[in-house]
Amino acid sequence: MYVLRYSKASPYVRKILLAAHHLGLRDYIMLEVADTSDPSDSLREQNPTGRIPVLVKQDGSSIYDSRVIMDFLERQSNNFLFPEKGDLRDLALTQAALAEGLIDSAILWVYADRFSGDQPIPELWRSHQLQKIEKGCDYLEEQISSWLSNLPFPGSAITLAACLGYISFRDVYNWSNKRPKLLNWYNEVATRLPGFEITAPDSD
């Protein structure tokens, strides 16, 4: 049995859970809530940076971040998240990296609100994050058809689904507005990725 240190709202955690469902490993993962703001949480012993997700293996050792955990889980399964080699692997990993970048910008936007206190948030900095998300979604609207063809190896689709779900959940940006191809893709993968509904983000 593995232990996943997690938060219910984290898109990085959702990536792991969706991957585990696809790989047939979800029943082997126990969830343990982590308080990333509590310096006394044992999370700091498992990951010195205090970030989630962290997967505690059966021997007590810990691995992180979400990309490392997905790779580890893939190696424990007879199923695959990404093509093994060649141009298709390069494409799938690049797609996943794009979705990761959008997640990073969305989280920075959310944290700016959460931790700014009484200080005004620099508008230039905040708009910079939104511009990244907007440009990324515009690109996806034109390129999304290639992501459906990769669903036998759903690592990039899992990452993007977690990304778009988080952006909507936190009301960061209306990515579906005037992007019918991207919205149709999202609705399609919602029916094809196991565990999609039960892994939806929830407030901490």
N, C-alpha and C. Protein backbone atom coordinates (compact mmCIF):
# COMPACT_ATOMS: atom_id res chain seq x y z
N MET A 1 0.85 -1.20 0.00
CA MET A 1 0.00 0.00 0.00
C MET A 1 0.89 1.25 0.00
N TYR A 2 0.55 2.19 -0.86
CA TYR A 2 1.24 3.48 -0.92
C TYR A 2 0.40 4.53 -0.20
N VAL A 3 1.05 5.58 0.28
CA VAL A 3 0.36 6.70 0.92
C VAL A 3 0.60 7.94 0.08
N LEU A 4 -0.48 8.60 -0.31
CA LEU A 4 -0.38 9.83 -1.09
C LEU A 4 -0.74 11.01 -0.20
N ARG A 5 0.24 11.88 0.07
CA ARG A 5 -0.02 13.11 0.80
C ARG A 5 -0.65 14.09 -0.18
N TYR A 6 -1.81 14.62 0.20
CA TYR A 6 -2.60 15.30 -0.82
C TYR A 6 -3.43 16.43 -0.26
N SER A 7 -3.98 17.21 -1.18
CA SER A 7 -5.02 18.21 -0.92
C SER A 7 -6.14 17.95 -1.92
N LYS A 8 -7.37 18.14 -1.48
CA LYS A 8 -8.51 17.83 -2.35
C LYS A 8 -8.62 18.75 -3.55
N ALA A 9 -8.00 19.92 -3.47
CA ALA A 9 -8.13 20.89 -4.56
C ALA A 9 -6.98 20.86 -5.55
N SER A 10 -5.90 20.18 -5.22
CA SER A 10 -4.68 20.27 -6.02
C SER A 10 -4.82 19.59 -7.38
N PRO A 11 -4.53 20.31 -8.47
CA PRO A 11 -4.54 19.66 -9.78
C PRO A 11 -3.41 18.66 -9.94
N TYR A 12 -2.31 18.87 -9.23
CA TYR A 12 -1.20 17.92 -9.29
C TYR A 12 -1.60 16.59 -8.65
N VAL A 13 -2.35 16.66 -7.56
CA VAL A 13 -2.87 15.45 -6.92
C VAL A 13 -3.88 14.77 -7.84
N ARG A 14 -4.74 15.56 -8.47
CA ARG A 14 -5.73 14.94 -9.37
C ARG A 14 -5.05 14.19 -10.51
N LYS A 15 -3.95 14.73 -11.01
CA LYS A 15 -3.18 14.02 -12.03
C LYS A 15 -2.82 12.61 -11.55
N ILE A 16 -2.32 12.52 -10.33
CA ILE A 16 -1.89 11.24 -9.79
C ILE A 16 -3.07 10.29 -9.66
N LEU A 17 -4.19 10.79 -9.16
CA LEU A 17 -5.35 9.93 -8.96
C LEU A 17 -5.93 9.45 -10.28
N LEU A 18 -6.00 10.33 -11.28
CA LEU A 18 -6.47 9.91 -12.60
C LEU A 18 -5.53 8.88 -13.20
N ALA A 19 -4.24 9.11 -13.04
CA ALA A 19 -3.26 8.13 -13.54
C ALA A 19 -3.43 6.79 -12.85
N ALA A 20 -3.63 6.82 -11.53
CA ALA A 20 -3.80 5.58 -10.77
C ALA A 20 -5.03 4.82 -11.22
N HIS A 21 -6.12 5.54 -11.48
CA HIS A 21 -7.33 4.88 -11.99
C HIS A 21 -7.05 4.20 -13.33
N HIS A 22 -6.40 4.91 -14.23
CA HIS A 22 -6.10 4.34 -15.54
C HIS A 22 -5.19 3.12 -15.44
N LEU A 23 -4.23 3.18 -14.55
CA LEU A 23 -3.24 2.11 -14.42
C LEU A 23 -3.73 0.94 -13.58
N GLY A 24 -4.93 1.06 -12.99
CA GLY A 24 -5.46 0.00 -12.16
C GLY A 24 -4.84 -0.09 -10.79
N LEU A 25 -4.31 1.04 -10.30
CA LEU A 25 -3.59 1.05 -9.02
C LEU A 25 -4.29 1.85 -7.92
N ARG A 26 -5.46 2.39 -8.21
CA ARG A 26 -6.09 3.28 -7.23
C ARG A 26 -6.33 2.58 -5.90
N ASP A 27 -6.68 1.31 -5.91
CA ASP A 27 -6.97 0.60 -4.66
C ASP A 27 -5.72 0.37 -3.81
N TYR A 28 -4.56 0.65 -4.37
CA TYR A 28 -3.30 0.44 -3.64
C TYR A 28 -2.75 1.75 -3.07
N ILE A 29 -3.55 2.80 -3.15
CA ILE A 29 -3.09 4.11 -2.68
C ILE A 29 -4.02 4.61 -1.58
N MET A 30 -3.46 4.87 -0.41
CA MET A 30 -4.21 5.45 0.70
C MET A 30 -3.96 6.96 0.71
N LEU A 31 -5.02 7.73 0.91
CA LEU A 31 -4.91 9.18 0.91
C LEU A 31 -4.70 9.70 2.33
N GLU A 32 -3.78 10.64 2.48
CA GLU A 32 -3.54 11.30 3.76
C GLU A 32 -3.39 12.79 3.51
N VAL A 33 -4.31 13.56 4.10
CA VAL A 33 -4.31 15.01 3.89
C VAL A 33 -3.01 15.61 4.41
N ALA A 34 -2.47 16.55 3.66
CA ALA A 34 -1.27 17.28 4.07
C ALA A 34 -1.62 18.75 4.24
N ASP A 35 -1.10 19.36 5.29
CA ASP A 35 -1.27 20.79 5.51
C ASP A 35 0.03 21.48 5.10
N THR A 36 0.04 22.02 3.90
CA THR A 36 1.28 22.61 3.37
C THR A 36 1.70 23.87 4.10
N SER A 37 0.79 24.47 4.86
CA SER A 37 1.13 25.69 5.59
C SER A 37 1.56 25.43 7.03
N ASP A 38 1.53 24.17 7.46
CA ASP A 38 1.88 23.81 8.83
C ASP A 38 3.31 23.27 8.88
N PRO A 39 4.24 24.03 9.47
CA PRO A 39 5.64 23.57 9.50
C PRO A 39 5.85 22.30 10.31
N SER A 40 4.88 21.94 11.16
CA SER A 40 5.04 20.73 11.96
C SER A 40 4.45 19.49 11.28
N ASP A 41 3.80 19.68 10.14
CA ASP A 41 3.26 18.54 9.40
C ASP A 41 4.41 17.64 8.95
N SER A 42 4.22 16.34 9.04
CA SER A 42 5.27 15.40 8.65
C SER A 42 5.60 15.49 7.16
N LEU A 43 4.79 16.23 6.42
CA LEU A 43 5.08 16.46 5.01
C LEU A 43 6.50 17.00 4.83
N ARG A 44 6.95 17.85 5.77
CA ARG A 44 8.29 18.45 5.67
C ARG A 44 9.40 17.40 5.74
N GLU A 45 9.11 16.29 6.40
CA GLU A 45 10.09 15.21 6.47
C GLU A 45 10.08 14.38 5.19
N GLN A 46 8.93 14.36 4.53
CA GLN A 46 8.79 13.57 3.31
C GLN A 46 9.22 14.35 2.07
N ASN A 47 9.04 15.66 2.10
CA ASN A 47 9.51 16.55 1.04
C ASN A 47 9.95 17.85 1.69
N PRO A 48 11.24 18.15 1.72
CA PRO A 48 11.73 19.33 2.43
C PRO A 48 11.09 20.64 1.98
N THR A 49 10.60 20.70 0.74
CA THR A 49 9.95 21.93 0.27
C THR A 49 8.52 22.06 0.76
N GLY A 50 7.97 20.99 1.34
CA GLY A 50 6.60 21.05 1.84
C GLY A 50 5.54 21.09 0.76
N ARG A 51 5.88 20.62 -0.42
CA ARG A 51 4.93 20.65 -1.53
C ARG A 51 4.28 19.29 -1.72
N ILE A 52 3.08 19.32 -2.28
CA ILE A 52 2.36 18.09 -2.62
C ILE A 52 2.21 18.02 -4.14
N PRO A 53 1.99 16.80 -4.63
CA PRO A 53 1.84 15.53 -3.94
C PRO A 53 3.18 14.89 -3.59
N VAL A 54 3.11 14.05 -2.56
CA VAL A 54 4.22 13.18 -2.18
C VAL A 54 3.66 11.77 -2.08
N LEU A 55 4.35 10.82 -2.66
CA LEU A 55 3.96 9.42 -2.53
C LEU A 55 4.96 8.71 -1.62
N VAL A 56 4.43 8.16 -0.52
CA VAL A 56 5.26 7.39 0.40
C VAL A 56 5.17 5.92 -0.02
N LYS A 57 6.31 5.36 -0.36
CA LYS A 57 6.34 3.99 -0.86
C LYS A 57 6.28 2.99 0.30
N GLN A 58 6.17 1.73 -0.05
CA GLN A 58 6.00 0.69 0.96
C GLN A 58 7.20 0.57 1.89
N ASP A 59 8.37 0.96 1.41
CA ASP A 59 9.56 0.90 2.26
C ASP A 59 9.76 2.16 3.10
N GLY A 60 8.79 3.10 3.02
CA GLY A 60 8.86 4.33 3.80
C GLY A 60 9.54 5.48 3.11
N SER A 61 10.17 5.24 1.98
CA SER A 61 10.81 6.32 1.23
C SER A 61 9.75 7.12 0.48
N SER A 62 10.09 8.35 0.15
CA SER A 62 9.14 9.26 -0.49
C SER A 62 9.64 9.70 -1.85
N ILE A 63 8.69 9.90 -2.78
CA ILE A 63 9.03 10.44 -4.09
C ILE A 63 8.08 11.60 -4.40
N TYR A 64 8.55 12.53 -5.17
CA TYR A 64 7.82 13.72 -5.58
C TYR A 64 8.58 14.28 -6.77
N ASP A 65 8.00 15.05 -7.64
CA ASP A 65 6.70 15.68 -7.72
C ASP A 65 5.73 14.80 -8.52
N SER A 66 4.67 15.43 -9.09
CA SER A 66 3.65 14.64 -9.77
C SER A 66 4.20 13.90 -10.98
N ARG A 67 5.14 14.48 -11.69
CA ARG A 67 5.70 13.80 -12.87
C ARG A 67 6.49 12.56 -12.47
N VAL A 68 7.24 12.67 -11.39
CA VAL A 68 8.01 11.53 -10.90
C VAL A 68 7.07 10.44 -10.41
N ILE A 69 6.02 10.83 -9.70
CA ILE A 69 5.06 9.85 -9.18
C ILE A 69 4.35 9.14 -10.33
N MET A 70 3.94 9.89 -11.35
CA MET A 70 3.28 9.26 -12.50
C MET A 70 4.21 8.26 -13.17
N ASP A 71 5.46 8.61 -13.31
CA ASP A 71 6.43 7.69 -13.92
C ASP A 71 6.59 6.43 -13.08
N PHE A 72 6.66 6.61 -11.76
CA PHE A 72 6.79 5.46 -10.86
C PHE A 72 5.58 4.54 -10.98
N LEU A 73 4.38 5.11 -10.93
CA LEU A 73 3.17 4.30 -11.00
C LEU A 73 3.07 3.57 -12.34
N GLU A 74 3.47 4.24 -13.40
CA GLU A 74 3.43 3.60 -14.72
C GLU A 74 4.30 2.34 -14.73
N ARG A 75 5.43 2.40 -14.04
CA ARG A 75 6.35 1.25 -14.00
C ARG A 75 5.84 0.11 -13.12
N GLN A 76 4.81 0.39 -12.31
CA GLN A 76 4.22 -0.66 -11.48
C GLN A 76 3.04 -1.34 -12.17
N SER A 77 2.72 -0.92 -13.37
CA SER A 77 1.50 -1.36 -14.05
C SER A 77 1.83 -1.97 -15.40
N ASN A 78 0.87 -2.72 -15.92
CA ASN A 78 0.98 -3.24 -17.29
C ASN A 78 0.40 -2.28 -18.31
N ASN A 79 -0.18 -1.19 -17.84
CA ASN A 79 -0.72 -0.16 -18.73
C ASN A 79 0.31 0.97 -18.87
N PHE A 80 0.01 1.89 -19.76
CA PHE A 80 0.95 2.97 -20.04
C PHE A 80 0.25 4.33 -19.99
N LEU A 81 1.01 5.35 -19.59
CA LEU A 81 0.54 6.73 -19.63
C LEU A 81 1.08 7.48 -20.84
N PHE A 82 2.27 7.13 -21.26
CA PHE A 82 2.92 7.79 -22.39
C PHE A 82 3.52 6.73 -23.32
N PRO A 83 3.61 7.04 -24.61
CA PRO A 83 4.32 6.13 -25.52
C PRO A 83 5.74 5.89 -25.01
N GLU A 84 6.27 4.73 -25.31
CA GLU A 84 7.58 4.36 -24.75
C GLU A 84 8.74 5.10 -25.39
N LYS A 85 8.63 5.44 -26.67
CA LYS A 85 9.79 6.04 -27.34
C LYS A 85 9.34 6.75 -28.61
N GLY A 86 10.28 7.45 -29.21
CA GLY A 86 10.06 8.05 -30.52
C GLY A 86 9.34 9.38 -30.49
N ASP A 87 8.92 9.80 -31.68
CA ASP A 87 8.28 11.11 -31.83
C ASP A 87 6.97 11.22 -31.06
N LEU A 88 6.23 10.12 -30.97
CA LEU A 88 4.96 10.16 -30.24
C LEU A 88 5.20 10.43 -28.75
N ARG A 89 6.25 9.87 -28.21
CA ARG A 89 6.58 10.15 -26.80
C ARG A 89 6.97 11.61 -26.63
N ASP A 90 7.79 12.12 -27.54
CA ASP A 90 8.18 13.53 -27.47
C ASP A 90 6.95 14.43 -27.52
N LEU A 91 6.03 14.12 -28.41
CA LEU A 91 4.81 14.92 -28.54
C LEU A 91 3.99 14.87 -27.26
N ALA A 92 3.78 13.67 -26.73
CA ALA A 92 2.95 13.52 -25.53
C ALA A 92 3.56 14.24 -24.34
N LEU A 93 4.88 14.14 -24.17
CA LEU A 93 5.53 14.80 -23.05
C LEU A 93 5.51 16.32 -23.21
N THR A 94 5.62 16.79 -24.45
CA THR A 94 5.54 18.23 -24.70
C THR A 94 4.14 18.74 -24.40
N GLN A 95 3.13 17.98 -24.79
CA GLN A 95 1.75 18.35 -24.48
C GLN A 95 1.55 18.43 -22.96
N ALA A 96 2.06 17.44 -22.26
CA ALA A 96 1.94 17.45 -20.80
C ALA A 96 2.65 18.65 -20.19
N ALA A 97 3.80 19.02 -20.75
CA ALA A 97 4.54 20.18 -20.24
C ALA A 97 3.76 21.46 -20.45
N LEU A 98 3.05 21.58 -21.57
CA LEU A 98 2.20 22.75 -21.80
C LEU A 98 1.12 22.84 -20.73
N ALA A 99 0.45 21.73 -20.47
CA ALA A 99 -0.59 21.72 -19.44
C ALA A 99 -0.02 22.03 -18.07
N GLU A 100 1.18 21.52 -17.77
CA GLU A 100 1.84 21.84 -16.50
C GLU A 100 2.09 23.33 -16.38
N GLY A 101 2.54 23.95 -17.47
CA GLY A 101 2.79 25.39 -17.43
C GLY A 101 1.53 26.18 -17.15
N LEU A 102 0.41 25.75 -17.71
CA LEU A 102 -0.86 26.43 -17.45
C LEU A 102 -1.28 26.24 -16.00
N ILE A 103 -1.06 25.05 -15.46
CA ILE A 103 -1.35 24.82 -14.04
C ILE A 103 -0.53 25.77 -13.17
N ASP A 104 0.75 25.87 -13.47
CA ASP A 104 1.63 26.74 -12.68
C ASP A 104 1.12 28.18 -12.69
N SER A 105 0.73 28.68 -13.86
CA SER A 105 0.23 30.06 -13.94
C SER A 105 -1.07 30.23 -13.16
N ALA A 106 -1.94 29.24 -13.25
CA ALA A 106 -3.22 29.32 -12.53
C ALA A 106 -2.99 29.33 -11.02
N ILE A 107 -2.08 28.50 -10.55
CA ILE A 107 -1.80 28.45 -9.11
C ILE A 107 -1.16 29.74 -8.63
N LEU A 108 -0.25 30.30 -9.42
CA LEU A 108 0.34 31.59 -9.05
C LEU A 108 -0.73 32.67 -8.95
N TRP A 109 -1.69 32.64 -9.85
CA TRP A 109 -2.80 33.60 -9.82
C TRP A 109 -3.62 33.42 -8.54
N VAL A 110 -3.93 32.17 -8.20
CA VAL A 110 -4.71 31.88 -6.99
C VAL A 110 -3.94 32.30 -5.74
N TYR A 111 -2.66 31.98 -5.68
CA TYR A 111 -1.87 32.30 -4.50
C TYR A 111 -1.69 33.81 -4.32
N ALA A 112 -1.68 34.54 -5.42
CA ALA A 112 -1.58 35.99 -5.31
C ALA A 112 -2.76 36.55 -4.53
N ASP A 113 -3.94 36.03 -4.79
CA ASP A 113 -5.13 36.45 -4.04
C ASP A 113 -5.07 35.96 -2.59
N ARG A 114 -4.65 34.73 -2.42
CA ARG A 114 -4.73 34.09 -1.10
C ARG A 114 -3.75 34.68 -0.10
N PHE A 115 -2.57 35.05 -0.56
CA PHE A 115 -1.51 35.44 0.36
C PHE A 115 -1.13 36.91 0.29
N SER A 116 -1.85 37.69 -0.48
CA SER A 116 -1.48 39.11 -0.61
C SER A 116 -1.87 39.92 0.62
N GLY A 117 -2.83 39.41 1.41
CA GLY A 117 -3.28 40.16 2.59
C GLY A 117 -3.86 41.50 2.20
N ASP A 118 -3.40 42.54 2.88
CA ASP A 118 -3.88 43.89 2.58
C ASP A 118 -3.09 44.57 1.47
N GLN A 119 -2.08 43.90 0.97
CA GLN A 119 -1.24 44.50 -0.05
C GLN A 119 -1.90 44.36 -1.43
N PRO A 120 -1.86 45.40 -2.24
CA PRO A 120 -2.42 45.29 -3.58
C PRO A 120 -1.59 44.33 -4.44
N ILE A 121 -2.27 43.57 -5.27
CA ILE A 121 -1.59 42.65 -6.17
C ILE A 121 -1.16 43.43 -7.41
N PRO A 122 0.12 43.39 -7.77
CA PRO A 122 0.56 44.10 -8.97
C PRO A 122 -0.22 43.63 -10.20
N GLU A 123 -0.93 44.54 -10.81
CA GLU A 123 -1.80 44.17 -11.93
C GLU A 123 -1.01 43.61 -13.10
N LEU A 124 0.18 44.15 -13.33
CA LEU A 124 1.00 43.66 -14.43
C LEU A 124 1.36 42.20 -14.23
N TRP A 125 1.73 41.84 -13.01
CA TRP A 125 2.10 40.46 -12.71
C TRP A 125 0.91 39.53 -12.87
N ARG A 126 -0.23 39.96 -12.36
CA ARG A 126 -1.42 39.11 -12.44
C ARG A 126 -1.89 38.94 -13.88
N SER A 127 -1.89 40.02 -14.64
CA SER A 127 -2.31 39.93 -16.04
C SER A 127 -1.34 39.07 -16.85
N HIS A 128 -0.08 39.06 -16.43
CA HIS A 128 0.91 38.23 -17.11
C HIS A 128 0.56 36.76 -17.00
N GLN A 129 0.10 36.33 -15.83
CA GLN A 129 -0.31 34.94 -15.65
C GLN A 129 -1.54 34.62 -16.50
N LEU A 130 -2.49 35.54 -16.53
CA LEU A 130 -3.70 35.31 -17.33
C LEU A 130 -3.38 35.28 -18.82
N GLN A 131 -2.43 36.09 -19.25
CA GLN A 131 -2.04 36.06 -20.66
C GLN A 131 -1.45 34.71 -21.04
N LYS A 132 -0.66 34.14 -20.16
CA LYS A 132 -0.10 32.81 -20.43
C LYS A 132 -1.22 31.79 -20.59
N ILE A 133 -2.20 31.85 -19.70
CA ILE A 133 -3.32 30.91 -19.77
C ILE A 133 -4.12 31.13 -21.04
N GLU A 134 -4.41 32.39 -21.36
CA GLU A 134 -5.19 32.70 -22.56
C GLU A 134 -4.48 32.22 -23.82
N LYS A 135 -3.19 32.52 -23.94
CA LYS A 135 -2.43 32.10 -25.12
C LYS A 135 -2.37 30.58 -25.21
N GLY A 136 -2.18 29.94 -24.08
CA GLY A 136 -2.14 28.48 -24.07
C GLY A 136 -3.46 27.87 -24.51
N CYS A 137 -4.56 28.43 -24.04
CA CYS A 137 -5.88 27.92 -24.42
C CYS A 137 -6.18 28.19 -25.89
N ASP A 138 -5.74 29.33 -26.40
CA ASP A 138 -5.90 29.62 -27.83
C ASP A 138 -5.14 28.58 -28.66
N TYR A 139 -3.95 28.26 -28.24
CA TYR A 139 -3.16 27.25 -28.95
C TYR A 139 -3.85 25.89 -28.89
N LEU A 140 -4.37 25.55 -27.72
CA LEU A 140 -5.04 24.27 -27.56
C LEU A 140 -6.28 24.17 -28.43
N GLU A 141 -6.99 25.27 -28.59
CA GLU A 141 -8.19 25.25 -29.44
C GLU A 141 -7.84 24.80 -30.86
N GLU A 142 -6.67 25.17 -31.32
CA GLU A 142 -6.25 24.80 -32.68
C GLU A 142 -5.62 23.41 -32.76
N GLN A 143 -5.06 22.94 -31.66
CA GLN A 143 -4.27 21.71 -31.70
C GLN A 143 -4.92 20.52 -30.98
N ILE A 144 -6.08 20.72 -30.40
CA ILE A 144 -6.60 19.73 -29.45
C ILE A 144 -6.96 18.40 -30.10
N SER A 145 -7.21 18.37 -31.41
CA SER A 145 -7.59 17.11 -32.05
C SER A 145 -6.50 16.05 -31.90
N SER A 146 -5.24 16.47 -31.86
CA SER A 146 -4.15 15.50 -31.72
C SER A 146 -4.13 14.87 -30.34
N TRP A 147 -4.73 15.53 -29.36
CA TRP A 147 -4.74 14.98 -28.00
C TRP A 147 -5.69 13.80 -27.89
N LEU A 148 -6.79 13.82 -28.65
CA LEU A 148 -7.72 12.70 -28.60
C LEU A 148 -7.07 11.45 -29.18
N SER A 149 -6.27 11.62 -30.23
CA SER A 149 -5.62 10.47 -30.84
C SER A 149 -4.59 9.84 -29.90
N ASN A 150 -4.18 10.56 -28.88
CA ASN A 150 -3.19 10.05 -27.92
C ASN A 150 -3.84 9.34 -26.73
N LEU A 151 -5.16 9.25 -26.69
CA LEU A 151 -5.81 8.71 -25.50
C LEU A 151 -5.44 7.27 -25.15
N PRO A 152 -4.98 6.43 -26.09
CA PRO A 152 -4.46 5.14 -25.62
C PRO A 152 -3.32 5.30 -24.62
N PHE A 153 -2.63 6.45 -24.71
CA PHE A 153 -1.57 6.80 -23.75
C PHE A 153 -1.96 8.15 -23.13
N PRO A 154 -2.80 8.13 -22.07
CA PRO A 154 -3.51 9.35 -21.68
C PRO A 154 -2.76 10.28 -20.73
N GLY A 155 -1.43 10.15 -20.62
CA GLY A 155 -0.72 11.00 -19.66
C GLY A 155 -0.92 12.48 -19.90
N SER A 156 -0.82 12.92 -21.15
CA SER A 156 -1.00 14.34 -21.44
C SER A 156 -2.45 14.76 -21.28
N ALA A 157 -3.38 13.88 -21.67
CA ALA A 157 -4.81 14.19 -21.51
C ALA A 157 -5.18 14.31 -20.04
N ILE A 158 -4.63 13.45 -19.21
CA ILE A 158 -4.86 13.51 -17.77
C ILE A 158 -4.37 14.85 -17.22
N THR A 159 -3.19 15.27 -17.64
CA THR A 159 -2.63 16.52 -17.14
C THR A 159 -3.47 17.71 -17.58
N LEU A 160 -3.90 17.72 -18.83
CA LEU A 160 -4.70 18.84 -19.31
C LEU A 160 -6.09 18.84 -18.68
N ALA A 161 -6.69 17.68 -18.49
CA ALA A 161 -8.00 17.63 -17.85
C ALA A 161 -7.93 18.17 -16.42
N ALA A 162 -6.88 17.79 -15.69
CA ALA A 162 -6.70 18.32 -14.34
C ALA A 162 -6.48 19.82 -14.37
N CYS A 163 -5.76 20.29 -15.36
CA CYS A 163 -5.48 21.72 -15.52
C CYS A 163 -6.77 22.51 -15.75
N LEU A 164 -7.54 22.12 -16.75
CA LEU A 164 -8.76 22.86 -17.09
C LEU A 164 -9.78 22.78 -15.96
N GLY A 165 -9.87 21.62 -15.31
CA GLY A 165 -10.78 21.49 -14.18
C GLY A 165 -10.42 22.43 -13.05
N TYR A 166 -9.12 22.57 -12.80
CA TYR A 166 -8.67 23.47 -11.72
C TYR A 166 -8.93 24.93 -12.08
N ILE A 167 -8.66 25.32 -13.32
CA ILE A 167 -8.89 26.71 -13.74
C ILE A 167 -10.36 27.07 -13.57
N SER A 168 -11.25 26.14 -13.91
CA SER A 168 -12.68 26.39 -13.73
C SER A 168 -13.05 26.41 -12.25
N PHE A 169 -12.52 25.47 -11.49
CA PHE A 169 -12.83 25.36 -10.07
C PHE A 169 -12.46 26.63 -9.31
N ARG A 170 -11.31 27.19 -9.61
CA ARG A 170 -10.85 28.41 -8.94
C ARG A 170 -11.33 29.68 -9.64
N ASP A 171 -12.08 29.53 -10.71
CA ASP A 171 -12.62 30.69 -11.44
C ASP A 171 -11.50 31.64 -11.86
N VAL A 172 -10.42 31.07 -12.36
CA VAL A 172 -9.28 31.87 -12.79
C VAL A 172 -9.54 32.50 -14.14
N TYR A 173 -10.12 31.71 -15.05
CA TYR A 173 -10.27 32.17 -16.43
C TYR A 173 -11.33 31.31 -17.10
N ASN A 174 -12.16 31.94 -17.94
CA ASN A 174 -13.22 31.22 -18.65
C ASN A 174 -12.65 30.63 -19.94
N TRP A 175 -11.95 29.52 -19.81
CA TRP A 175 -11.25 28.93 -20.94
C TRP A 175 -12.18 28.40 -22.02
N SER A 176 -13.42 28.04 -21.64
CA SER A 176 -14.34 27.44 -22.62
C SER A 176 -15.02 28.47 -23.51
N ASN A 177 -14.93 29.74 -23.14
CA ASN A 177 -15.60 30.78 -23.92
C ASN A 177 -14.98 30.89 -25.31
N LYS A 178 -15.78 30.72 -26.33
CA LYS A 178 -15.36 30.83 -27.73
C LYS A 178 -14.29 29.81 -28.11
N ARG A 179 -14.25 28.70 -27.40
CA ARG A 179 -13.31 27.63 -27.75
C ARG A 179 -14.07 26.30 -27.79
N PRO A 180 -14.93 26.13 -28.78
CA PRO A 180 -15.79 24.93 -28.82
C PRO A 180 -15.01 23.63 -28.96
N LYS A 181 -13.88 23.65 -29.66
CA LYS A 181 -13.12 22.41 -29.82
C LYS A 181 -12.53 21.96 -28.49
N LEU A 182 -12.02 22.91 -27.74
CA LEU A 182 -11.43 22.58 -26.44
C LEU A 182 -12.51 22.10 -25.47
N LEU A 183 -13.66 22.75 -25.50
CA LEU A 183 -14.76 22.33 -24.62
C LEU A 183 -15.25 20.94 -25.00
N ASN A 184 -15.39 20.68 -26.29
CA ASN A 184 -15.82 19.34 -26.72
C ASN A 184 -14.81 18.28 -26.31
N TRP A 185 -13.53 18.62 -26.42
CA TRP A 185 -12.50 17.67 -25.99
C TRP A 185 -12.63 17.38 -24.50
N TYR A 186 -12.81 18.41 -23.71
CA TYR A 186 -12.92 18.24 -22.26
C TYR A 186 -14.12 17.35 -21.92
N ASN A 187 -15.25 17.61 -22.57
CA ASN A 187 -16.44 16.79 -22.32
C ASN A 187 -16.23 15.35 -22.76
N GLU A 188 -15.47 15.17 -23.82
CA GLU A 188 -15.18 13.81 -24.30
C GLU A 188 -14.30 13.05 -23.32
N VAL A 189 -13.22 13.67 -22.86
CA VAL A 189 -12.33 12.94 -21.95
C VAL A 189 -13.01 12.71 -20.60
N ALA A 190 -13.98 13.55 -20.26
CA ALA A 190 -14.72 13.34 -19.01
C ALA A 190 -15.44 12.00 -19.02
N THR A 191 -15.81 11.53 -20.20
CA THR A 191 -16.50 10.24 -20.31
C THR A 191 -15.53 9.08 -20.51
N ARG A 192 -14.28 9.39 -20.84
CA ARG A 192 -13.34 8.33 -21.21
C ARG A 192 -12.25 8.08 -20.17
N LEU A 193 -12.01 9.04 -19.30
CA LEU A 193 -10.98 8.84 -18.27
C LEU A 193 -11.62 8.26 -17.02
N PRO A 194 -11.22 7.07 -16.59
CA PRO A 194 -11.77 6.51 -15.36
C PRO A 194 -11.45 7.39 -14.16
N GLY A 195 -12.45 7.55 -13.28
CA GLY A 195 -12.26 8.34 -12.07
C GLY A 195 -12.41 9.83 -12.26
N PHE A 196 -12.86 10.27 -13.44
CA PHE A 196 -12.91 11.71 -13.72
C PHE A 196 -13.80 12.44 -12.72
N GLU A 197 -14.99 11.92 -12.48
CA GLU A 197 -15.94 12.62 -11.59
C GLU A 197 -15.50 12.57 -10.14
N ILE A 198 -15.05 11.42 -9.68
CA ILE A 198 -14.76 11.29 -8.24
C ILE A 198 -13.44 11.96 -7.86
N THR A 199 -12.65 12.35 -8.85
CA THR A 199 -11.41 13.08 -8.54
C THR A 199 -11.56 14.58 -8.72
N ALA A 200 -12.76 15.05 -9.03
CA ALA A 200 -12.97 16.48 -9.25
C ALA A 200 -12.51 17.27 -8.03
N PRO A 201 -11.94 18.45 -8.23
CA PRO A 201 -11.41 19.24 -7.10
C PRO A 201 -12.51 19.66 -6.15
N ASP A 202 -12.14 19.76 -4.88
CA ASP A 202 -13.07 20.17 -3.83
C ASP A 202 -12.32 21.12 -2.91
N SER A 203 -13.06 21.99 -2.24
CA SER A 203 -12.44 22.97 -1.35
C SER A 203 -11.75 22.28 -0.19
N ASP A 204 -10.59 22.81 0.18
CA ASP A 204 -9.85 22.27 1.33
C ASP A 204 -10.53 22.66 2.63
